[in-house]
């Protein structure tokens, strides 16, 4: 079971977000992080535990915008629900929804090793330009300069063996 939980995801189930970006010596740079989508995590839980073999619960922290996710899974061995939990703050885009997704992703990685392998990727700087390219992503620096960046590809070790 643990090998199924820890297995790498297909590239289409991985998304990238900008961690930081800027311009140095008139050249743009974009540092990005890879993460598993919440939907891919839910699909993995369905695949490993069955649709009725896991459940999720959310709550907010006291007097703040933190969201705690408790992820339960059924243990036949112990004949009881076991849970793992972790949390995340609300995000800047769609604050509550983003916080829920973030909390689920953190709980899945910290408690069940789902997608944790992505933490071992080398620091990733995307190919980027000031000019728009079809299919590229866009970000804005702190001083409002627009940079376009190409979605990186994952190394072979971070992809499923087909």
C-alpha atoms as a PDB file:
ATOM      1  CA  UNK A   1       0.000   0.000   0.000  1.00  0.00           C
ATOM      2  CA  UNK A   2       2.763   2.473   0.906  1.00  0.00           C
ATOM      3  CA  UNK A   3       4.369   2.019  -2.530  1.00  0.00           C
ATOM      4  CA  UNK A   4       1.062   2.942  -4.198  1.00  0.00           C
ATOM      5  CA  UNK A   5       0.763   6.038  -2.007  1.00  0.00           C
ATOM      6  CA  UNK A   6       4.376   7.106  -2.691  1.00  0.00           C
ATOM      7  CA  UNK A   7       4.310   6.366  -6.445  1.00  0.00           C
ATOM      8  CA  UNK A   8       5.146   9.301  -8.759  1.00  0.00           C
ATOM      9  CA  UNK A   9       2.320  11.044 -10.568  1.00  0.00           C
ATOM     10  CA  UNK A  10       1.909  11.531 -14.299  1.00  0.00           C
ATOM     11  CA  UNK A  11       3.259  14.840 -15.549  1.00  0.00           C
ATOM     12  CA  UNK A  12      -0.283  16.106 -16.294  1.00  0.00           C
ATOM     13  CA  UNK A  13      -1.127  15.709 -12.579  1.00  0.00           C
ATOM     14  CA  UNK A  14       1.734  17.995 -11.553  1.00  0.00           C
ATOM     15  CA  UNK A  15       1.422  21.758 -11.582  1.00  0.00           C
ATOM     16  CA  UNK A  16       4.051  24.434 -11.087  1.00  0.00           C
ATOM     17  CA  UNK A  17       3.824  27.695  -9.202  1.00  0.00           C
ATOM     18  CA  UNK A  18       6.171  30.636  -9.020  1.00  0.00           C
ATOM     19  CA  UNK A  19       8.087  30.808  -5.760  1.00  0.00           C
ATOM     20  CA  UNK A  20       9.947  33.984  -6.733  1.00  0.00           C
ATOM     21  CA  UNK A  21      10.832  35.948  -9.830  1.00  0.00           C
ATOM     22  CA  UNK A  22      12.771  39.012 -10.822  1.00  0.00           C
ATOM     23  CA  UNK A  23      15.214  40.642 -13.177  1.00  0.00           C
ATOM     24  CA  UNK A  24      18.997  40.571 -12.742  1.00  0.00           C
ATOM     25  CA  UNK A  25      21.376  42.267 -15.194  1.00  0.00           C
ATOM     26  CA  UNK A  26      18.405  42.940 -17.506  1.00  0.00           C
ATOM     27  CA  UNK A  27      17.619  39.200 -17.657  1.00  0.00           C
ATOM     28  CA  UNK A  28      14.396  37.708 -16.271  1.00  0.00           C
ATOM     29  CA  UNK A  29      14.428  34.736 -13.882  1.00  0.00           C
ATOM     30  CA  UNK A  30      11.657  32.634 -12.412  1.00  0.00           C
ATOM     31  CA  UNK A  31      12.085  30.062  -9.635  1.00  0.00           C
ATOM     32  CA  UNK A  32       9.240  27.513  -9.619  1.00  0.00           C
ATOM     33  CA  UNK A  33       7.986  24.689  -7.385  1.00  0.00           C
ATOM     34  CA  UNK A  34       6.201  21.509  -8.488  1.00  0.00           C
ATOM     35  CA  UNK A  35       3.168  20.206  -6.631  1.00  0.00           C
ATOM     36  CA  UNK A  36       0.479  17.566  -6.993  1.00  0.00           C
ATOM     37  CA  UNK A  37      -3.036  18.835  -7.597  1.00  0.00           C
ATOM     38  CA  UNK A  38      -5.673  18.240  -4.927  1.00  0.00           C
ATOM     39  CA  UNK A  39      -7.760  16.295  -7.459  1.00  0.00           C
ATOM     40  CA  UNK A  40      -4.840  13.949  -8.205  1.00  0.00           C
ATOM     41  CA  UNK A  41      -4.439  13.341  -4.462  1.00  0.00           C
ATOM     42  CA  UNK A  42      -8.141  12.525  -4.131  1.00  0.00           C
ATOM     43  CA  UNK A  43      -7.866  10.117  -7.065  1.00  0.00           C
ATOM     44  CA  UNK A  44      -4.841   8.445  -5.460  1.00  0.00           C
ATOM     45  CA  UNK A  45      -6.741   8.028  -2.180  1.00  0.00           C
ATOM     46  CA  UNK A  46      -9.687   6.491  -4.077  1.00  0.00           C
ATOM     47  CA  UNK A  47      -7.287   4.149  -5.884  1.00  0.00           C
ATOM     48  CA  UNK A  48      -5.512   2.986  -2.713  1.00  0.00           C
ATOM     49  CA  UNK A  49      -8.316   2.988  -0.115  1.00  0.00           C
ATOM     50  CA  UNK A  50     -11.464   2.904  -2.274  1.00  0.00           C
ATOM     51  CA  UNK A  51     -14.032   5.696  -2.358  1.00  0.00           C
ATOM     52  CA  UNK A  52     -15.435   4.661   1.015  1.00  0.00           C
ATOM     53  CA  UNK A  53     -12.095   3.874   2.657  1.00  0.00           C
ATOM     54  CA  UNK A  54     -11.017   7.439   3.366  1.00  0.00           C
ATOM     55  CA  UNK A  55     -12.601  10.700   4.417  1.00  0.00           C
ATOM     56  CA  UNK A  56     -11.506  14.255   5.032  1.00  0.00           C
ATOM     57  CA  UNK A  57     -12.436  16.886   7.596  1.00  0.00           C
ATOM     58  CA  UNK A  58     -11.465  20.572   7.740  1.00  0.00           C
ATOM     59  CA  UNK A  59     -11.531  23.147  10.503  1.00  0.00           C
ATOM     60  CA  UNK A  60     -10.156  26.617  10.920  1.00  0.00           C
ATOM     61  CA  UNK A  61      -7.604  27.567  13.525  1.00  0.00           C
ATOM     62  CA  UNK A  62      -8.717  29.631  16.470  1.00  0.00           C
ATOM     63  CA  UNK A  63      -8.856  33.362  15.659  1.00  0.00           C
ATOM     64  CA  UNK A  64      -6.903  33.072  12.410  1.00  0.00           C
ATOM     65  CA  UNK A  65      -7.120  32.121   8.749  1.00  0.00           C
ATOM     66  CA  UNK A  66      -5.333  28.798   9.074  1.00  0.00           C
ATOM     67  CA  UNK A  67      -7.088  25.677   7.839  1.00  0.00           C
ATOM     68  CA  UNK A  68      -6.431  22.288   9.383  1.00  0.00           C
ATOM     69  CA  UNK A  69      -7.057  19.162   7.318  1.00  0.00           C
ATOM     70  CA  UNK A  70      -7.640  15.820   8.987  1.00  0.00           C
ATOM     71  CA  UNK A  71      -7.363  12.917   6.558  1.00  0.00           C
ATOM     72  CA  UNK A  72      -8.807   9.619   7.751  1.00  0.00           C
ATOM     73  CA  UNK A  73      -8.274   6.198   6.240  1.00  0.00           C
ATOM     74  CA  UNK A  74      -9.702   2.864   7.272  1.00  0.00           C
ATOM     75  CA  UNK A  75      -7.315   0.269   8.673  1.00  0.00           C
ATOM     76  CA  UNK A  76      -8.562  -3.317   8.356  1.00  0.00           C
ATOM     77  CA  UNK A  77      -5.565  -4.405  10.412  1.00  0.00           C
ATOM     78  CA  UNK A  78      -6.624  -2.250  13.371  1.00  0.00           C
ATOM     79  CA  UNK A  79     -10.338  -2.223  12.525  1.00  0.00           C
ATOM     80  CA  UNK A  80     -10.555   1.526  13.029  1.00  0.00           C
ATOM     81  CA  UNK A  81     -10.188   4.899  11.344  1.00  0.00           C
ATOM     82  CA  UNK A  82      -6.669   6.311  11.533  1.00  0.00           C
ATOM     83  CA  UNK A  83      -5.980   9.955  10.783  1.00  0.00           C
ATOM     84  CA  UNK A  84      -3.179  12.311   9.865  1.00  0.00           C
ATOM     85  CA  UNK A  85      -3.449  16.080   9.922  1.00  0.00           C
ATOM     86  CA  UNK A  86      -1.620  19.187   8.846  1.00  0.00           C
ATOM     87  CA  UNK A  87      -2.567  22.732   7.997  1.00  0.00           C
ATOM     88  CA  UNK A  88      -2.124  25.663   5.694  1.00  0.00           C
ATOM     89  CA  UNK A  89      -2.982  29.347   5.679  1.00  0.00           C
ATOM     90  CA  UNK A  90      -5.524  30.770   3.286  1.00  0.00           C
ATOM     91  CA  UNK A  91      -3.998  31.652  -0.073  1.00  0.00           C
ATOM     92  CA  UNK A  92      -3.996  34.963  -1.933  1.00  0.00           C
ATOM     93  CA  UNK A  93      -6.105  33.604  -4.810  1.00  0.00           C
ATOM     94  CA  UNK A  94      -9.465  32.179  -3.689  1.00  0.00           C
ATOM     95  CA  UNK A  95      -8.349  32.317  -0.041  1.00  0.00           C
ATOM     96  CA  UNK A  96     -10.582  29.693   1.595  1.00  0.00           C
ATOM     97  CA  UNK A  97     -10.636  27.238  -1.332  1.00  0.00           C
ATOM     98  CA  UNK A  98      -6.876  27.603  -1.767  1.00  0.00           C
ATOM     99  CA  UNK A  99      -6.336  27.044   1.940  1.00  0.00           C
ATOM    100  CA  UNK A 100      -8.401  23.861   1.872  1.00  0.00           C
ATOM    101  CA  UNK A 101      -6.451  22.527  -1.133  1.00  0.00           C
ATOM    102  CA  UNK A 102      -3.156  23.501   0.468  1.00  0.00           C
ATOM    103  CA  UNK A 103      -4.052  21.796   3.740  1.00  0.00           C
ATOM    104  CA  UNK A 104      -5.059  18.600   1.899  1.00  0.00           C
ATOM    105  CA  UNK A 105      -1.788  18.589  -0.077  1.00  0.00           C
ATOM    106  CA  UNK A 106       0.306  19.125   3.057  1.00  0.00           C
ATOM    107  CA  UNK A 107      -1.533  16.408   4.964  1.00  0.00           C
ATOM    108  CA  UNK A 108      -1.222  13.943   2.076  1.00  0.00           C
ATOM    109  CA  UNK A 109       2.534  14.635   1.781  1.00  0.00           C
ATOM    110  CA  UNK A 110       3.408  14.762   5.479  1.00  0.00           C
ATOM    111  CA  UNK A 111       1.096  12.012   6.689  1.00  0.00           C
ATOM    112  CA  UNK A 112       0.881   9.569   3.780  1.00  0.00           C
ATOM    113  CA  UNK A 113       3.968  10.370   1.641  1.00  0.00           C
ATOM    114  CA  UNK A 114       1.765  11.293  -1.343  1.00  0.00           C
ATOM    115  CA  UNK A 115       3.809  13.549  -3.614  1.00  0.00           C
ATOM    116  CA  UNK A 116       6.565  13.953  -1.028  1.00  0.00           C
ATOM    117  CA  UNK A 117       9.178  12.993  -3.622  1.00  0.00           C
ATOM    118  CA  UNK A 118       8.674  16.409  -5.237  1.00  0.00           C
ATOM    119  CA  UNK A 119      10.441  17.994  -2.256  1.00  0.00           C
ATOM    120  CA  UNK A 120      13.633  16.329  -3.493  1.00  0.00           C
ATOM    121  CA  UNK A 121      13.660  18.091  -6.856  1.00  0.00           C
ATOM    122  CA  UNK A 122      16.648  20.326  -7.428  1.00  0.00           C
ATOM    123  CA  UNK A 123      16.035  24.048  -7.281  1.00  0.00           C
ATOM    124  CA  UNK A 124      14.180  24.755 -10.524  1.00  0.00           C
ATOM    125  CA  UNK A 125      14.521  27.896 -12.591  1.00  0.00           C
ATOM    126  CA  UNK A 126      12.200  27.994 -15.579  1.00  0.00           C
ATOM    127  CA  UNK A 127      13.171  29.119 -19.049  1.00  0.00           C
ATOM    128  CA  UNK A 128      11.807  32.652 -19.314  1.00  0.00           C
ATOM    129  CA  UNK A 129      11.537  35.768 -21.509  1.00  0.00           C
ATOM    130  CA  UNK A 130      10.000  39.214 -21.506  1.00  0.00           C
ATOM    131  CA  UNK A 131       8.101  38.413 -24.729  1.00  0.00           C
ATOM    132  CA  UNK A 132       4.973  36.282 -24.759  1.00  0.00           C
ATOM    133  CA  UNK A 133       5.286  32.734 -26.072  1.00  0.00           C
ATOM    134  CA  UNK A 134       2.331  30.534 -26.962  1.00  0.00           C
ATOM    135  CA  UNK A 135       1.629  28.073 -24.154  1.00  0.00           C
ATOM    136  CA  UNK A 136       3.939  29.773 -21.657  1.00  0.00           C
ATOM    137  CA  UNK A 137       2.900  31.037 -18.215  1.00  0.00           C
ATOM    138  CA  UNK A 138       2.996  34.602 -16.998  1.00  0.00           C
ATOM    139  CA  UNK A 139       4.071  36.166 -13.727  1.00  0.00           C
ATOM    140  CA  UNK A 140       4.685  39.647 -12.403  1.00  0.00           C
ATOM    141  CA  UNK A 141       7.711  40.849 -10.445  1.00  0.00           C
ATOM    142  CA  UNK A 142       7.409  42.997  -7.324  1.00  0.00           C
ATOM    143  CA  UNK A 143       8.039  46.053  -9.495  1.00  0.00           C
ATOM    144  CA  UNK A 144       5.268  44.968 -11.932  1.00  0.00           C
ATOM    145  CA  UNK A 145       7.433  43.683 -14.791  1.00  0.00           C
ATOM    146  CA  UNK A 146       5.785  40.854 -16.709  1.00  0.00           C
ATOM    147  CA  UNK A 147       7.826  37.696 -17.275  1.00  0.00           C
ATOM    148  CA  UNK A 148       6.760  34.716 -19.365  1.00  0.00           C
ATOM    149  CA  UNK A 149       7.995  31.284 -18.353  1.00  0.00           C
ATOM    150  CA  UNK A 150       7.906  27.797 -19.797  1.00  0.00           C
ATOM    151  CA  UNK A 151       6.600  24.919 -17.683  1.00  0.00           C
ATOM    152  CA  UNK A 152       9.601  22.754 -16.783  1.00  0.00           C
ATOM    153  CA  UNK A 153       9.710  19.022 -17.382  1.00  0.00           C
ATOM    154  CA  UNK A 154      10.240  16.621 -14.528  1.00  0.00           C
ATOM    155  CA  UNK A 155      13.344  14.427 -14.390  1.00  0.00           C
ATOM    156  CA  UNK A 156      12.789  10.760 -15.257  1.00  0.00           C
ATOM    157  CA  UNK A 157      13.148   9.628 -11.638  1.00  0.00           C
ATOM    158  CA  UNK A 158      10.129  11.795 -10.733  1.00  0.00           C
ATOM    159  CA  UNK A 159       7.832  10.177 -13.314  1.00  0.00           C
ATOM    160  CA  UNK A 160       5.971   6.860 -13.183  1.00  0.00           C
ATOM    161  CA  UNK A 161       7.653   3.909 -14.803  1.00  0.00           C
ATOM    162  CA  UNK A 162       5.339   2.966 -17.673  1.00  0.00           C
END
